[in-house]
Amino acid sequence: MGIKPSYIKSIGNELLARHPERFSREFAQNQQAVAEGTIIDSKGVRNRIAGYITRKINTGKRS
Protein backbone atom coordinates (compact mmCIF):
# COMPACT_ATOMS: atom_id res chain seq x y z
CA MET A 1 0.00 0.00 0.00
CA GLY A 2 1.41 3.35 -1.01
CA ILE A 3 1.04 6.91 0.10
CA LYS A 4 -1.71 8.79 -1.68
CA PRO A 5 -0.70 11.84 -3.74
CA SER A 6 -3.38 13.90 -2.00
CA TYR A 7 -1.56 13.32 1.33
CA ILE A 8 1.74 14.51 -0.16
CA LYS A 9 0.09 17.56 -1.73
CA SER A 10 -1.84 18.57 1.37
CA ILE A 11 1.23 18.43 3.61
CA GLY A 12 3.38 20.19 0.99
CA ASN A 13 0.85 22.98 0.50
CA GLU A 14 0.44 23.42 4.25
CA LEU A 15 4.21 23.67 4.78
CA LEU A 16 4.52 26.19 1.95
CA ALA A 17 1.68 28.27 3.36
CA ARG A 18 3.12 28.30 6.90
CA HIS A 19 6.83 28.68 6.13
CA PRO A 20 7.40 29.95 2.57
CA GLU A 21 10.77 31.46 3.50
CA ARG A 22 12.24 28.06 4.45
CA PHE A 23 11.93 26.54 0.98
CA SER A 24 13.99 27.21 -2.14
CA ARG A 25 14.39 25.92 -5.68
CA GLU A 26 16.93 23.29 -4.51
CA PHE A 27 15.75 19.80 -3.59
CA ALA A 28 18.51 19.17 -1.02
CA GLN A 29 17.64 22.31 0.94
CA ASN A 30 13.95 21.41 0.83
CA GLN A 31 14.77 17.93 2.17
CA GLN A 32 16.38 19.54 5.22
CA ALA A 33 13.48 21.95 5.72
CA VAL A 34 10.89 19.15 5.55
CA ALA A 35 12.92 17.01 7.96
CA GLU A 36 13.16 19.90 10.44
CA GLY A 37 9.55 21.05 10.01
CA THR A 38 7.76 17.70 10.35
CA ILE A 39 7.83 14.55 12.42
CA ILE A 40 7.46 12.12 9.54
CA ASP A 41 9.49 8.96 10.18
CA SER A 42 9.57 7.68 6.61
CA LYS A 43 12.47 8.99 4.55
CA GLY A 44 10.63 8.20 1.32
CA VAL A 45 7.58 10.23 2.29
CA ARG A 46 9.76 13.18 3.33
CA ASN A 47 11.56 13.02 -0.01
CA ARG A 48 8.27 12.93 -1.92
CA ILE A 49 7.03 15.99 -0.02
CA ALA A 50 10.32 17.82 -0.66
CA GLY A 51 10.12 16.88 -4.34
CA TYR A 52 6.55 18.13 -4.59
CA ILE A 53 7.50 21.45 -2.98
CA THR A 54 10.55 21.83 -5.25
CA ARG A 55 8.50 21.07 -8.36
CA LYS A 56 5.78 23.50 -7.27
CA ILE A 57 8.26 26.32 -6.64
CA ASN A 58 10.18 25.74 -9.87
CA THR A 59 7.10 25.60 -12.10
CA GLY A 60 5.66 28.67 -10.41
CA LYS A 61 8.77 30.73 -11.25
CA ARG A 62 8.61 30.02 -14.99
CA SER A 63 7.08 32.68 -17.19
PDB file of N, CA and C in Angstrom:
ATOM      1  N   MET A   1       0.836  -1.173   0.000  1.00  0.00           N
ATOM      2  CA  MET A   1       0.000   0.000   0.000  1.00  0.00           C
ATOM      3  C   MET A   1       0.881   1.236   0.000  1.00  0.00           C
ATOM      4  N   GLY A   2       0.586   2.159  -0.878  1.00  0.00           N
ATOM      5  CA  GLY A   2       1.415   3.350  -1.008  1.00  0.00           C
ATOM      6  C   GLY A   2       0.790   4.567  -0.350  1.00  0.00           C
ATOM      7  N   ILE A   3       1.506   5.630  -0.422  1.00  0.00           N
ATOM      8  CA  ILE A   3       1.039   6.913   0.096  1.00  0.00           C
ATOM      9  C   ILE A   3       0.269   7.615  -1.011  1.00  0.00           C
ATOM     10  N   LYS A   4      -0.877   8.124  -0.685  1.00  0.00           N
ATOM     11  CA  LYS A   4      -1.707   8.792  -1.683  1.00  0.00           C
ATOM     12  C   LYS A   4      -1.128  10.155  -2.041  1.00  0.00           C
ATOM     13  N   PRO A   5      -1.204  10.524  -3.324  1.00  0.00           N
ATOM     14  CA  PRO A   5      -0.699  11.840  -3.737  1.00  0.00           C
ATOM     15  C   PRO A   5      -1.412  12.997  -3.041  1.00  0.00           C
ATOM     16  N   SER A   6      -2.660  12.823  -2.678  1.00  0.00           N
ATOM     17  CA  SER A   6      -3.379  13.898  -2.000  1.00  0.00           C
ATOM     18  C   SER A   6      -2.770  14.180  -0.624  1.00  0.00           C
ATOM     19  N   TYR A   7      -2.232  13.156   0.037  1.00  0.00           N
ATOM     20  CA  TYR A   7      -1.562  13.317   1.328  1.00  0.00           C
ATOM     21  C   TYR A   7      -0.281  14.135   1.151  1.00  0.00           C
ATOM     22  N   ILE A   8       0.497  13.795   0.126  1.00  0.00           N
ATOM     23  CA  ILE A   8       1.738  14.515  -0.164  1.00  0.00           C
ATOM     24  C   ILE A   8       1.430  15.976  -0.478  1.00  0.00           C
ATOM     25  N   LYS A   9       0.440  16.200  -1.326  1.00  0.00           N
ATOM     26  CA  LYS A   9       0.094  17.561  -1.734  1.00  0.00           C
ATOM     27  C   LYS A   9      -0.436  18.385  -0.569  1.00  0.00           C
ATOM     28  N   SER A  10      -1.267  17.798   0.268  1.00  0.00           N
ATOM     29  CA  SER A  10      -1.842  18.569   1.374  1.00  0.00           C
ATOM     30  C   SER A  10      -0.763  18.982   2.372  1.00  0.00           C
ATOM     31  N   ILE A  11       0.155  18.081   2.689  1.00  0.00           N
ATOM     32  CA  ILE A  11       1.232  18.427   3.611  1.00  0.00           C
ATOM     33  C   ILE A  11       2.173  19.448   2.964  1.00  0.00           C
ATOM     34  N   GLY A  12       2.504  19.250   1.689  1.00  0.00           N
ATOM     35  CA  GLY A  12       3.381  20.190   0.986  1.00  0.00           C
ATOM     36  C   GLY A  12       2.791  21.579   0.912  1.00  0.00           C
ATOM     37  N   ASN A  13       1.507  21.660   0.581  1.00  0.00           N
ATOM     38  CA  ASN A  13       0.849  22.975   0.502  1.00  0.00           C
ATOM     39  C   ASN A  13       0.762  23.639   1.869  1.00  0.00           C
ATOM     40  N   GLU A  14       0.514  22.855   2.904  1.00  0.00           N
ATOM     41  CA  GLU A  14       0.441  23.417   4.254  1.00  0.00           C
ATOM     42  C   GLU A  14       1.802  23.949   4.699  1.00  0.00           C
ATOM     43  N   LEU A  15       2.871  23.197   4.419  1.00  0.00           N
ATOM     44  CA  LEU A  15       4.209  23.665   4.776  1.00  0.00           C
ATOM     45  C   LEU A  15       4.577  24.939   4.012  1.00  0.00           C
ATOM     46  N   LEU A  16       4.236  24.982   2.731  1.00  0.00           N
ATOM     47  CA  LEU A  16       4.520  26.188   1.947  1.00  0.00           C
ATOM     48  C   LEU A  16       3.731  27.392   2.441  1.00  0.00           C
ATOM     49  N   ALA A  17       2.502  27.166   2.873  1.00  0.00           N
ATOM     50  CA  ALA A  17       1.685  28.274   3.364  1.00  0.00           C
ATOM     51  C   ALA A  17       2.200  28.794   4.703  1.00  0.00           C
ATOM     52  N   ARG A  18       2.658  27.889   5.570  1.00  0.00           N
ATOM     53  CA  ARG A  18       3.116  28.300   6.897  1.00  0.00           C
ATOM     54  C   ARG A  18       4.527  28.867   6.899  1.00  0.00           C
ATOM     55  N   HIS A  19       5.420  28.280   6.096  1.00  0.00           N
ATOM     56  CA  HIS A  19       6.831  28.676   6.128  1.00  0.00           C
ATOM     57  C   HIS A  19       7.386  28.851   4.711  1.00  0.00           C
ATOM     58  N   PRO A  20       6.910  29.804   3.952  1.00  0.00           N
ATOM     59  CA  PRO A  20       7.403  29.948   2.568  1.00  0.00           C
ATOM     60  C   PRO A  20       8.878  30.351   2.493  1.00  0.00           C
ATOM     61  N   GLU A  21       9.385  31.001   3.523  1.00  0.00           N
ATOM     62  CA  GLU A  21      10.769  31.456   3.502  1.00  0.00           C
ATOM     63  C   GLU A  21      11.774  30.322   3.696  1.00  0.00           C
ATOM     64  N   ARG A  22      11.337  29.182   4.179  1.00  0.00           N
ATOM     65  CA  ARG A  22      12.242  28.062   4.452  1.00  0.00           C
ATOM     66  C   ARG A  22      12.558  27.238   3.212  1.00  0.00           C
ATOM     67  N   PHE A  23      11.786  27.402   2.147  1.00  0.00           N
ATOM     68  CA  PHE A  23      11.931  26.544   0.978  1.00  0.00           C
ATOM     69  C   PHE A  23      12.534  27.318  -0.190  1.00  0.00           C
ATOM     70  N   SER A  24      13.318  26.599  -1.004  1.00  0.00           N
ATOM     71  CA  SER A  24      13.991  27.209  -2.141  1.00  0.00           C
ATOM     72  C   SER A  24      13.760  26.356  -3.380  1.00  0.00           C
ATOM     73  N   ARG A  25      14.505  26.666  -4.425  1.00  0.00           N
ATOM     74  CA  ARG A  25      14.393  25.919  -5.679  1.00  0.00           C
ATOM     75  C   ARG A  25      15.247  24.662  -5.667  1.00  0.00           C
ATOM     76  N   GLU A  26      16.017  24.429  -4.602  1.00  0.00           N
ATOM     77  CA  GLU A  26      16.929  23.294  -4.506  1.00  0.00           C
ATOM     78  C   GLU A  26      16.316  22.164  -3.681  1.00  0.00           C
ATOM     79  N   PHE A  27      16.343  20.964  -4.249  1.00  0.00           N
ATOM     80  CA  PHE A  27      15.750  19.799  -3.590  1.00  0.00           C
ATOM     81  C   PHE A  27      16.438  19.476  -2.266  1.00  0.00           C
ATOM     82  N   ALA A  28      17.766  19.530  -2.235  1.00  0.00           N
ATOM     83  CA  ALA A  28      18.509  19.171  -1.023  1.00  0.00           C
ATOM     84  C   ALA A  28      18.159  20.095   0.145  1.00  0.00           C
ATOM     85  N   GLN A  29      18.012  21.373  -0.122  1.00  0.00           N
ATOM     86  CA  GLN A  29      17.636  22.313   0.937  1.00  0.00           C
ATOM     87  C   GLN A  29      16.207  22.055   1.404  1.00  0.00           C
ATOM     88  N   ASN A  30      15.334  21.697   0.466  1.00  0.00           N
ATOM     89  CA  ASN A  30      13.951  21.407   0.833  1.00  0.00           C
ATOM     90  C   ASN A  30      13.847  20.117   1.631  1.00  0.00           C
ATOM     91  N   GLN A  31      14.736  19.147   1.373  1.00  0.00           N
ATOM     92  CA  GLN A  31      14.773  17.929   2.170  1.00  0.00           C
ATOM     93  C   GLN A  31      15.050  18.267   3.630  1.00  0.00           C
ATOM     94  N   GLN A  32      16.032  19.132   3.855  1.00  0.00           N
ATOM     95  CA  GLN A  32      16.378  19.536   5.219  1.00  0.00           C
ATOM     96  C   GLN A  32      15.226  20.274   5.885  1.00  0.00           C
ATOM     97  N   ALA A  33      14.575  21.168   5.161  1.00  0.00           N
ATOM     98  CA  ALA A  33      13.476  21.949   5.718  1.00  0.00           C
ATOM     99  C   ALA A  33      12.296  21.057   6.086  1.00  0.00           C
ATOM    100  N   VAL A  34      11.994  20.072   5.248  1.00  0.00           N
ATOM    101  CA  VAL A  34      10.891  19.152   5.546  1.00  0.00           C
ATOM    102  C   VAL A  34      11.249  18.292   6.753  1.00  0.00           C
ATOM    103  N   ALA A  35      12.484  17.826   6.831  1.00  0.00           N
ATOM    104  CA  ALA A  35      12.917  17.009   7.963  1.00  0.00           C
ATOM    105  C   ALA A  35      12.843  17.789   9.272  1.00  0.00           C
ATOM    106  N   GLU A  36      13.197  19.066   9.233  1.00  0.00           N
ATOM    107  CA  GLU A  36      13.158  19.897  10.438  1.00  0.00           C
ATOM    108  C   GLU A  36      11.738  20.331  10.789  1.00  0.00           C
ATOM    109  N   GLY A  37      10.882  20.499   9.783  1.00  0.00           N
ATOM    110  CA  GLY A  37       9.553  21.050  10.013  1.00  0.00           C
ATOM    111  C   GLY A  37       8.461  20.027  10.273  1.00  0.00           C
ATOM    112  N   THR A  38       8.776  18.731  10.141  1.00  0.00           N
ATOM    113  CA  THR A  38       7.760  17.701  10.345  1.00  0.00           C
ATOM    114  C   THR A  38       8.306  16.593  11.232  1.00  0.00           C
ATOM    115  N   ILE A  39       7.421  15.711  11.635  1.00  0.00           N
ATOM    116  CA  ILE A  39       7.834  14.553  12.423  1.00  0.00           C
ATOM    117  C   ILE A  39       7.518  13.256  11.671  1.00  0.00           C
ATOM    118  N   ILE A  40       7.714  13.280  10.367  1.00  0.00           N
ATOM    119  CA  ILE A  40       7.458  12.116   9.535  1.00  0.00           C
ATOM    120  C   ILE A  40       8.657  11.180   9.628  1.00  0.00           C
ATOM    121  N   ASP A  41       8.413   9.929   9.988  1.00  0.00           N
ATOM    122  CA  ASP A  41       9.492   8.964  10.176  1.00  0.00           C
ATOM    123  C   ASP A  41      10.023   8.400   8.867  1.00  0.00           C
ATOM    124  N   SER A  42       9.190   8.311   7.869  1.00  0.00           N
ATOM    125  CA  SER A  42       9.571   7.683   6.614  1.00  0.00           C
ATOM    126  C   SER A  42      10.388   8.632   5.739  1.00  0.00           C
ATOM    127  N   LYS A  43      11.601   8.195   5.394  1.00  0.00           N
ATOM    128  CA  LYS A  43      12.468   8.993   4.548  1.00  0.00           C
ATOM    129  C   LYS A  43      11.871   9.165   3.153  1.00  0.00           C
ATOM    130  N   GLY A  44      11.234   8.134   2.636  1.00  0.00           N
ATOM    131  CA  GLY A  44      10.632   8.198   1.315  1.00  0.00           C
ATOM    132  C   GLY A  44       9.507   9.212   1.237  1.00  0.00           C
ATOM    133  N   VAL A  45       8.687   9.276   2.273  1.00  0.00           N
ATOM    134  CA  VAL A  45       7.582  10.234   2.290  1.00  0.00           C
ATOM    135  C   VAL A  45       8.125  11.651   2.397  1.00  0.00           C
ATOM    136  N   ARG A  46       9.139  11.853   3.228  1.00  0.00           N
ATOM    137  CA  ARG A  46       9.761  13.183   3.335  1.00  0.00           C
ATOM    138  C   ARG A  46      10.338  13.614   1.992  1.00  0.00           C
ATOM    139  N   ASN A  47      10.979  12.692   1.290  1.00  0.00           N
ATOM    140  CA  ASN A  47      11.555  13.025  -0.013  1.00  0.00           C
ATOM    141  C   ASN A  47      10.478  13.343  -1.032  1.00  0.00           C
ATOM    142  N   ARG A  48       9.361  12.639  -0.985  1.00  0.00           N
ATOM    143  CA  ARG A  48       8.273  12.927  -1.921  1.00  0.00           C
ATOM    144  C   ARG A  48       7.675  14.299  -1.648  1.00  0.00           C
ATOM    145  N   ILE A  49       7.547  14.665  -0.376  1.00  0.00           N
ATOM    146  CA  ILE A  49       7.030  15.993  -0.021  1.00  0.00           C
ATOM    147  C   ILE A  49       8.012  17.072  -0.480  1.00  0.00           C
ATOM    148  N   ALA A  50       9.308  16.851  -0.229  1.00  0.00           N
ATOM    149  CA  ALA A  50      10.322  17.820  -0.663  1.00  0.00           C
ATOM    150  C   ALA A  50      10.332  17.946  -2.183  1.00  0.00           C
ATOM    151  N   GLY A  51      10.167  16.847  -2.879  1.00  0.00           N
ATOM    152  CA  GLY A  51      10.116  16.881  -4.340  1.00  0.00           C
ATOM    153  C   GLY A  51       8.901  17.622  -4.850  1.00  0.00           C
ATOM    154  N   TYR A  52       7.769  17.418  -4.201  1.00  0.00           N
ATOM    155  CA  TYR A  52       6.551  18.132  -4.588  1.00  0.00           C
ATOM    156  C   TYR A  52       6.731  19.642  -4.393  1.00  0.00           C
ATOM    157  N   ILE A  53       7.290  20.033  -3.260  1.00  0.00           N
ATOM    158  CA  ILE A  53       7.502  21.454  -2.976  1.00  0.00           C
ATOM    159  C   ILE A  53       8.478  22.057  -3.987  1.00  0.00           C
ATOM    160  N   THR A  54       9.566  21.341  -4.283  1.00  0.00           N
ATOM    161  CA  THR A  54      10.552  21.831  -5.247  1.00  0.00           C
ATOM    162  C   THR A  54       9.917  21.997  -6.619  1.00  0.00           C
ATOM    163  N   ARG A  55       9.159  21.007  -7.047  1.00  0.00           N
ATOM    164  CA  ARG A  55       8.504  21.075  -8.355  1.00  0.00           C
ATOM    165  C   ARG A  55       7.507  22.221  -8.405  1.00  0.00           C
ATOM    166  N   LYS A  56       6.768  22.422  -7.320  1.00  0.00           N
ATOM    167  CA  LYS A  56       5.781  23.499  -7.275  1.00  0.00           C
ATOM    168  C   LYS A  56       6.452  24.873  -7.337  1.00  0.00           C
ATOM    169  N   ILE A  57       7.543  25.044  -6.621  1.00  0.00           N
ATOM    170  CA  ILE A  57       8.258  26.322  -6.637  1.00  0.00           C
ATOM    171  C   ILE A  57       8.864  26.572  -8.011  1.00  0.00           C
ATOM    172  N   ASN A  58       9.504  25.558  -8.592  1.00  0.00           N
ATOM    173  CA  ASN A  58      10.184  25.738  -9.873  1.00  0.00           C
ATOM    174  C   ASN A  58       9.203  25.989 -11.011  1.00  0.00           C
ATOM    175  N   THR A  59       8.056  25.358 -11.024  1.00  0.00           N
ATOM    176  CA  THR A  59       7.101  25.599 -12.101  1.00  0.00           C
ATOM    177  C   THR A  59       6.389  26.921 -11.893  1.00  0.00           C
ATOM    178  N   GLY A  60       6.288  27.387 -10.671  1.00  0.00           N
ATOM    179  CA  GLY A  60       5.660  28.672 -10.411  1.00  0.00           C
ATOM    180  C   GLY A  60       6.529  29.849 -10.831  1.00  0.00           C
ATOM    181  N   LYS A  61       7.842  29.659 -10.891  1.00  0.00           N
ATOM    182  CA  LYS A  61       8.765  30.733 -11.245  1.00  0.00           C
ATOM    183  C   LYS A  61       8.878  30.923 -12.756  1.00  0.00           C
ATOM    184  N   ARG A  62       8.504  29.914 -13.530  1.00  0.00           N
ATOM    185  CA  ARG A  62       8.610  30.015 -14.995  1.00  0.00           C
ATOM    186  C   ARG A  62       7.585  30.990 -15.542  1.00  0.00           C
ATOM    187  N   SER A  63       8.000  31.759 -16.528  1.00  0.00           N
ATOM    188  CA  SER A  63       7.080  32.678 -17.193  1.00  0.00           C
ATOM    189  C   SER A  63       7.520  32.928 -18.613  1.00  0.00           C
TER     190      SER A  63
END
